[in-house]
Amino acid sequence: MTTLATAPTAGPRPARMWHAVLRLHRVALIIWAVIFAALSGVLLWAYGPGASAARADWRQKCGSHGCGWSSAISSYHLAHAGVEVTIGAIPYVAAVWAGAALIGRELEAGTAHLSWTQGVSPTRWLATTLAVPAALITAGSTVLVLVHRLLFDAHKVPVTWNWWDDATFTANGPLAVALSLLGLAVGALAGLLLRRALAAGGLAFVATALVDTALGTARPHLWPWATSHGTLATGYATPSNVLFGDKGAVTSTGAHIADPGCGKSEKCLAAHDVTGYFSHYHPDSHFWPLQLVETGIVLAVTAAATAAAFRLLRRRTA
């Protein structure tokens, strides 16, 4: 009796897998589309009619003796600040969603295992599951950063927007995109580690917060400081709109010491051998070096988290 060999079941084509991921997470896709449209609309409003109204009120109501902000000026500033805070929250949302819904829930409910028995390898499942949201997050975040940058560069109302503020710094360059991808990768790793939706979402949030906080603390030290020197007569000499670092006194040997607080006391200055003052700072020309170095670090951490996720998946499904 002849036994007929059974042909192996062909796995789904990549296009179908992408479609399946989009269909499975269509609610998250709709929410992301709404967030993207709303933020883009607010930024474009602030760039166009919002800026025009605020500038007109500033000219009419603000003079050399100060300015009482009108509703137009407040709305213009609030739009800018609100969008920055929301952009800064995207990595956390991506981390929680990836840990809880994208990976954790699929493993907890057994949906992922069902896919693996239908011709989809675990590696291919994870690659497709991450690639679809990564592409959407990258595209949307990139557009938001470009529009935000357009508004920031065209800023013509004398409301203080410091380039070195955490929210502004993040939203003004590729760091915002990199942090969003980091949140996705950390969430995926947390989901694979815990395989429980709620716990994975919490772990992903905490891990993303720790990385974000550590990078924010280290940011001023990622690029050499610029230094300004002042005389005993002028005191500290530092440009405006800069990120300040250390400052202190300079001795006759050129050494930098803590400011002894002598003021104008010649006796005190002579006792501490103070001949001038120094200030360390980052001018606005340091924005891109700092931005690119931090972005590179975030992408490296993202790559490490992604590689760890794939390695963990292969070990558990070997």
Protein backbone atom coordinates (compact mmCIF):
# COMPACT_ATOMS: atom_id res chain seq x y z
CA MET A 1 0.00 0.00 0.00
CA THR A 2 1.42 3.31 -1.05
CA THR A 3 1.40 6.22 1.39
CA LEU A 4 0.90 9.66 -0.16
CA ALA A 5 3.01 12.45 1.21
CA THR A 6 1.04 15.43 2.42
CA ALA A 7 2.28 18.78 1.17
CA PRO A 8 3.07 21.22 3.97
CA THR A 9 0.59 23.97 4.51
CA ALA A 10 1.84 27.19 2.99
CA GLY A 11 2.04 30.08 5.39
CA PRO A 12 0.13 33.28 4.77
CA ARG A 13 1.70 35.79 2.45
CA PRO A 14 3.33 38.88 4.00
CA ALA A 15 0.61 41.17 2.59
CA ARG A 16 -2.05 39.11 4.36
CA MET A 17 -0.11 39.22 7.61
CA TRP A 18 0.11 43.00 7.44
CA HIS A 19 -3.62 43.13 6.76
CA ALA A 20 -4.29 40.81 9.70
CA VAL A 21 -2.28 42.99 12.08
CA LEU A 22 -4.08 46.13 10.91
CA ARG A 23 -7.47 44.47 11.27
CA LEU A 24 -6.67 43.06 14.72
CA HIS A 25 -5.53 46.44 16.04
CA ARG A 26 -7.82 48.68 14.02
CA VAL A 27 -9.08 50.47 17.15
CA ALA A 28 -5.52 51.51 18.05
CA LEU A 29 -4.96 52.55 14.42
CA ILE A 30 -8.06 54.76 14.51
CA ILE A 31 -6.98 56.33 17.81
CA TRP A 32 -3.51 57.04 16.42
CA ALA A 33 -5.05 58.60 13.29
CA VAL A 34 -7.26 60.84 15.43
CA ILE A 35 -4.32 61.90 17.61
CA PHE A 36 -2.18 62.60 14.55
CA ALA A 37 -4.93 64.62 12.83
CA ALA A 38 -5.70 66.61 15.98
CA LEU A 39 -2.07 67.50 16.73
CA SER A 40 -1.38 68.39 13.10
CA GLY A 41 -4.48 70.58 13.01
CA VAL A 42 -3.53 72.41 16.20
CA LEU A 43 0.02 73.03 14.97
CA LEU A 44 -1.18 74.32 11.60
CA TRP A 45 -3.73 76.56 13.31
CA ALA A 46 -1.01 77.98 15.56
CA TYR A 47 1.26 78.49 12.55
CA GLY A 48 -1.45 80.30 10.57
CA PRO A 49 -4.48 82.11 12.06
CA GLY A 50 -3.40 81.54 15.65
CA ALA A 51 -0.05 83.25 15.12
CA SER A 52 -1.63 86.11 13.17
CA ALA A 53 -4.16 86.86 15.91
CA ALA A 54 -1.56 86.59 18.67
CA ARG A 55 0.88 88.84 16.84
CA ALA A 56 -1.79 91.48 16.22
CA ASP A 57 -2.78 91.50 19.91
CA TRP A 58 0.84 91.68 20.99
CA ARG A 59 1.42 94.76 18.85
CA GLN A 60 -1.69 96.46 20.23
CA LYS A 61 -1.49 95.52 23.91
CA CYS A 62 2.19 95.02 24.69
CA GLY A 63 4.67 97.82 25.11
CA SER A 64 7.82 98.69 26.98
CA HIS A 65 6.00 98.51 30.33
CA GLY A 66 4.95 94.88 30.05
CA CYS A 67 2.17 92.95 28.47
CA GLY A 68 -1.16 91.59 29.63
CA TRP A 69 -1.75 88.47 27.60
CA SER A 70 -4.94 88.38 25.60
CA SER A 71 -6.96 85.23 24.89
CA ALA A 72 -5.37 85.05 21.43
CA ILE A 73 -1.83 85.12 22.83
CA SER A 74 -2.71 82.57 25.51
CA SER A 75 -4.35 80.25 22.98
CA TYR A 76 -1.33 80.47 20.70
CA HIS A 77 1.06 79.62 23.52
CA LEU A 78 -1.21 76.88 24.89
CA ALA A 79 -1.45 75.22 21.47
CA HIS A 80 2.33 75.06 21.21
CA ALA A 81 2.86 73.81 24.77
CA GLY A 82 -0.03 71.35 24.64
CA VAL A 83 1.19 69.69 21.45
CA GLU A 84 4.70 69.35 22.91
CA VAL A 85 3.38 67.60 26.02
CA THR A 86 1.29 65.25 23.88
CA ILE A 87 4.21 64.42 21.59
CA GLY A 88 6.29 63.68 24.67
CA ALA A 89 3.59 61.28 25.91
CA ILE A 90 3.50 59.21 22.71
CA PRO A 91 6.44 56.95 23.72
CA TYR A 92 4.65 56.05 26.96
CA VAL A 93 1.39 55.31 25.16
CA ALA A 94 3.27 53.19 22.61
CA ALA A 95 5.04 51.28 25.39
CA VAL A 96 1.87 50.49 27.34
CA TRP A 97 -0.05 49.55 24.21
CA ALA A 98 2.74 47.32 22.88
CA GLY A 99 3.22 45.59 26.22
CA ALA A 100 -0.45 45.16 27.06
CA ALA A 101 -2.32 44.80 23.76
CA LEU A 102 0.16 44.16 20.97
CA ILE A 103 2.19 41.39 22.62
CA GLY A 104 1.04 40.63 26.18
CA ARG A 105 -2.62 40.05 25.38
CA GLU A 106 -1.81 37.93 22.34
CA LEU A 107 0.39 35.63 24.43
CA GLU A 108 -1.98 35.57 27.38
CA ALA A 109 -4.99 34.70 25.21
CA GLY A 110 -3.11 32.17 23.09
CA THR A 111 -3.73 34.03 19.82
CA ALA A 112 -0.03 34.11 19.04
CA HIS A 113 0.31 30.35 19.55
CA LEU A 114 -2.61 29.81 17.19
CA SER A 115 -0.81 31.80 14.50
CA TRP A 116 2.34 29.71 14.99
CA THR A 117 0.39 26.51 14.30
CA GLN A 118 -0.94 27.90 11.02
CA GLY A 119 2.33 28.26 9.16
CA VAL A 120 3.59 31.53 10.69
CA SER A 121 6.91 31.18 12.49
CA PRO A 122 7.27 32.98 15.84
CA THR A 123 10.04 35.18 14.42
CA ARG A 124 7.93 36.16 11.44
CA TRP A 125 4.95 36.81 13.68
CA LEU A 126 6.93 39.17 15.92
CA ALA A 127 8.61 40.91 12.98
CA THR A 128 5.29 41.66 11.29
CA THR A 129 3.57 42.56 14.55
CA LEU A 130 6.25 45.18 15.27
CA ALA A 131 6.88 46.37 11.72
CA VAL A 132 3.33 47.58 11.08
CA PRO A 133 3.03 49.90 14.12
CA ALA A 134 6.68 50.94 13.79
CA ALA A 135 6.03 52.16 10.25
CA LEU A 136 2.88 54.04 11.27
CA ILE A 137 4.51 55.58 14.36
CA THR A 138 7.58 56.65 12.37
CA ALA A 139 5.55 58.24 9.59
CA GLY A 140 3.15 60.06 11.92
CA SER A 141 5.79 61.24 14.40
CA THR A 142 8.04 62.48 11.60
CA VAL A 143 5.27 64.65 10.18
CA LEU A 144 4.43 66.03 13.63
CA VAL A 145 8.08 66.91 14.26
CA LEU A 146 8.37 68.68 10.90
CA VAL A 147 5.21 70.72 11.46
CA HIS A 148 6.27 71.55 15.02
CA ARG A 149 9.65 72.64 13.73
CA LEU A 150 7.90 74.83 11.15
CA LEU A 151 5.93 76.56 13.92
CA PHE A 152 8.96 76.94 16.18
CA ASP A 153 11.17 78.44 13.46
CA ALA A 154 8.45 80.86 12.34
CA HIS A 155 7.71 82.04 15.89
CA LYS A 156 7.14 85.79 15.65
CA VAL A 157 5.34 86.50 18.92
CA PRO A 158 7.74 87.40 21.78
CA VAL A 159 6.47 84.61 24.04
CA THR A 160 9.44 82.80 25.55
CA TRP A 161 10.03 79.39 23.95
CA ASN A 162 13.33 77.97 25.14
CA TRP A 163 14.93 75.49 22.74
CA TRP A 164 16.42 73.60 25.69
CA ASP A 165 13.17 72.93 27.58
CA ASP A 166 12.62 69.17 27.76
CA ALA A 167 9.30 69.15 25.89
CA THR A 168 10.47 71.58 23.20
CA PHE A 169 13.82 69.84 22.73
CA THR A 170 12.16 66.45 22.23
CA ALA A 171 9.44 67.64 19.86
CA ASN A 172 11.81 69.70 17.72
CA GLY A 173 13.86 66.88 16.22
CA PRO A 174 14.23 63.17 15.46
CA LEU A 175 14.46 62.38 19.16
CA ALA A 176 10.65 62.32 19.31
CA VAL A 177 10.53 59.62 16.63
CA ALA A 178 13.31 57.58 18.25
CA LEU A 179 11.65 57.70 21.68
CA SER A 180 8.35 56.48 20.20
CA LEU A 181 10.12 53.51 18.63
CA LEU A 182 11.89 52.90 21.94
CA GLY A 183 8.53 52.71 23.67
CA LEU A 184 7.32 50.18 21.12
CA ALA A 185 10.43 48.00 21.52
CA VAL A 186 10.39 48.17 25.33
CA GLY A 187 6.70 47.30 25.34
CA ALA A 188 7.28 44.29 23.11
CA LEU A 189 10.09 43.04 25.34
CA ALA A 190 7.96 43.51 28.46
CA GLY A 191 5.10 41.59 26.85
CA LEU A 192 7.37 38.68 25.98
CA LEU A 193 8.91 38.66 29.45
CA LEU A 194 5.69 38.66 31.46
CA ARG A 195 3.12 37.33 28.93
CA ARG A 196 0.39 39.12 30.88
CA ALA A 197 -1.28 42.20 29.44
CA LEU A 198 -1.70 44.33 32.57
CA ALA A 199 1.67 43.54 34.11
CA ALA A 200 3.50 44.01 30.81
CA GLY A 201 1.88 47.39 30.24
CA GLY A 202 2.95 48.58 33.69
CA LEU A 203 6.50 47.33 33.28
CA ALA A 204 6.78 48.94 29.84
CA PHE A 205 5.63 52.30 31.23
CA VAL A 206 8.11 52.20 34.10
CA ALA A 207 11.01 51.11 31.87
CA THR A 208 10.29 53.83 29.32
CA ALA A 209 10.09 56.44 32.09
CA LEU A 210 13.42 55.33 33.53
CA VAL A 211 15.19 55.54 30.16
CA ASP A 212 13.59 58.89 29.33
CA THR A 213 14.52 60.35 32.72
CA ALA A 214 18.08 59.06 32.54
CA LEU A 215 18.58 60.56 29.08
CA GLY A 216 17.10 63.88 30.14
CA THR A 217 19.50 64.02 33.08
CA ALA A 218 22.51 63.11 30.94
CA ARG A 219 21.56 65.40 28.02
CA PRO A 220 23.63 68.48 29.01
CA HIS A 221 26.74 66.31 29.26
CA LEU A 222 26.43 64.68 25.82
CA TRP A 223 28.32 67.53 24.14
CA PRO A 224 31.19 69.76 25.34
CA TRP A 225 30.10 72.94 27.08
CA ALA A 226 30.78 76.37 25.70
CA THR A 227 32.55 78.64 28.20
CA SER A 228 32.33 82.38 28.73
CA HIS A 229 34.55 84.47 30.99
CA GLY A 230 33.78 87.66 32.82
CA THR A 231 35.98 90.10 34.65
CA LEU A 232 35.72 91.26 38.24
CA ALA A 233 34.07 94.40 36.97
CA THR A 234 31.49 92.77 34.69
CA GLY A 235 30.82 89.60 36.68
CA TYR A 236 29.36 86.62 34.85
CA ALA A 237 29.02 87.09 31.09
CA THR A 238 26.57 84.60 29.58
CA PRO A 239 24.40 84.99 26.45
CA SER A 240 20.63 84.78 26.67
CA ASN A 241 18.48 81.74 25.84
CA VAL A 242 21.15 79.19 26.72
CA LEU A 243 21.18 76.01 28.75
CA PHE A 244 23.29 76.79 31.83
CA GLY A 245 25.83 74.44 33.36
CA ASP A 246 28.41 75.09 36.05
CA LYS A 247 29.68 78.54 36.95
CA GLY A 248 32.23 79.83 39.38
CA ALA A 249 35.36 81.88 39.83
CA VAL A 250 38.68 81.88 37.98
CA THR A 251 41.99 82.21 39.82
CA SER A 252 45.21 83.83 38.61
CA THR A 253 46.46 80.40 37.49
CA GLY A 254 43.37 79.89 35.33
CA ALA A 255 41.88 77.28 37.66
CA HIS A 256 38.09 77.10 38.04
CA ILE A 257 36.84 77.14 41.62
CA ALA A 258 33.48 77.58 43.34
CA ASP A 259 32.35 81.18 43.65
CA PRO A 260 33.38 82.29 47.15
CA GLY A 261 30.65 84.92 47.12
CA CYS A 262 32.93 87.87 47.70
CA GLY A 263 30.87 90.35 45.76
CA LYS A 264 32.92 93.53 45.36
CA SER A 265 35.09 92.93 48.44
CA GLU A 266 38.68 93.34 47.25
CA LYS A 267 40.04 91.74 50.41
CA CYS A 268 37.92 88.60 49.93
CA LEU A 269 38.74 88.40 46.21
CA ALA A 270 42.46 88.71 46.93
CA ALA A 271 42.26 86.08 49.69
CA HIS A 272 40.73 83.57 47.26
CA ASP A 273 42.92 84.69 44.34
CA VAL A 274 39.82 85.42 42.24
CA THR A 275 40.57 87.27 39.01
CA GLY A 276 37.34 86.65 37.11
CA TYR A 277 34.37 84.37 36.57
CA PHE A 278 33.42 81.56 34.20
CA SER A 279 30.14 80.08 32.98
CA HIS A 280 29.50 76.80 31.18
CA TYR A 281 26.50 76.77 28.86
CA HIS A 282 25.00 75.33 25.69
CA PRO A 283 24.04 77.94 23.08
CA ASP A 284 21.30 77.27 20.53
CA SER A 285 23.99 76.16 18.05
CA HIS A 286 24.42 73.06 20.21
CA PHE A 287 20.85 71.95 19.60
CA TRP A 288 21.62 69.62 16.71
CA PRO A 289 24.74 68.00 18.21
CA LEU A 290 22.85 67.28 21.42
CA GLN A 291 19.77 66.15 19.51
CA LEU A 292 21.65 63.78 17.22
CA VAL A 293 23.82 62.25 19.97
CA GLU A 294 20.80 61.56 22.16
CA THR A 295 18.83 60.21 19.20
CA GLY A 296 21.68 57.83 18.42
CA ILE A 297 21.70 56.58 22.01
CA VAL A 298 17.94 56.02 21.95
CA LEU A 299 18.13 54.13 18.67
CA ALA A 300 20.92 51.95 20.05
CA VAL A 301 18.82 51.11 23.13
CA THR A 302 15.84 50.46 20.84
CA ALA A 303 17.88 48.07 18.71
CA ALA A 304 19.12 46.28 21.84
CA ALA A 305 15.58 45.91 23.21
CA THR A 306 14.33 44.62 19.86
CA ALA A 307 17.18 42.11 19.57
CA ALA A 308 16.52 40.94 23.14
CA ALA A 309 12.84 40.45 22.31
CA PHE A 310 13.61 38.27 19.28
CA ARG A 311 16.21 36.26 21.19
CA LEU A 312 13.80 35.66 24.08
CA LEU A 313 11.08 34.55 21.67
CA ARG A 314 13.39 32.11 19.90
CA ARG A 315 14.52 30.60 23.22
CA ARG A 316 10.96 30.09 24.43
CA THR A 317 9.70 28.61 21.17
CA ALA A 318 12.73 26.46 20.33
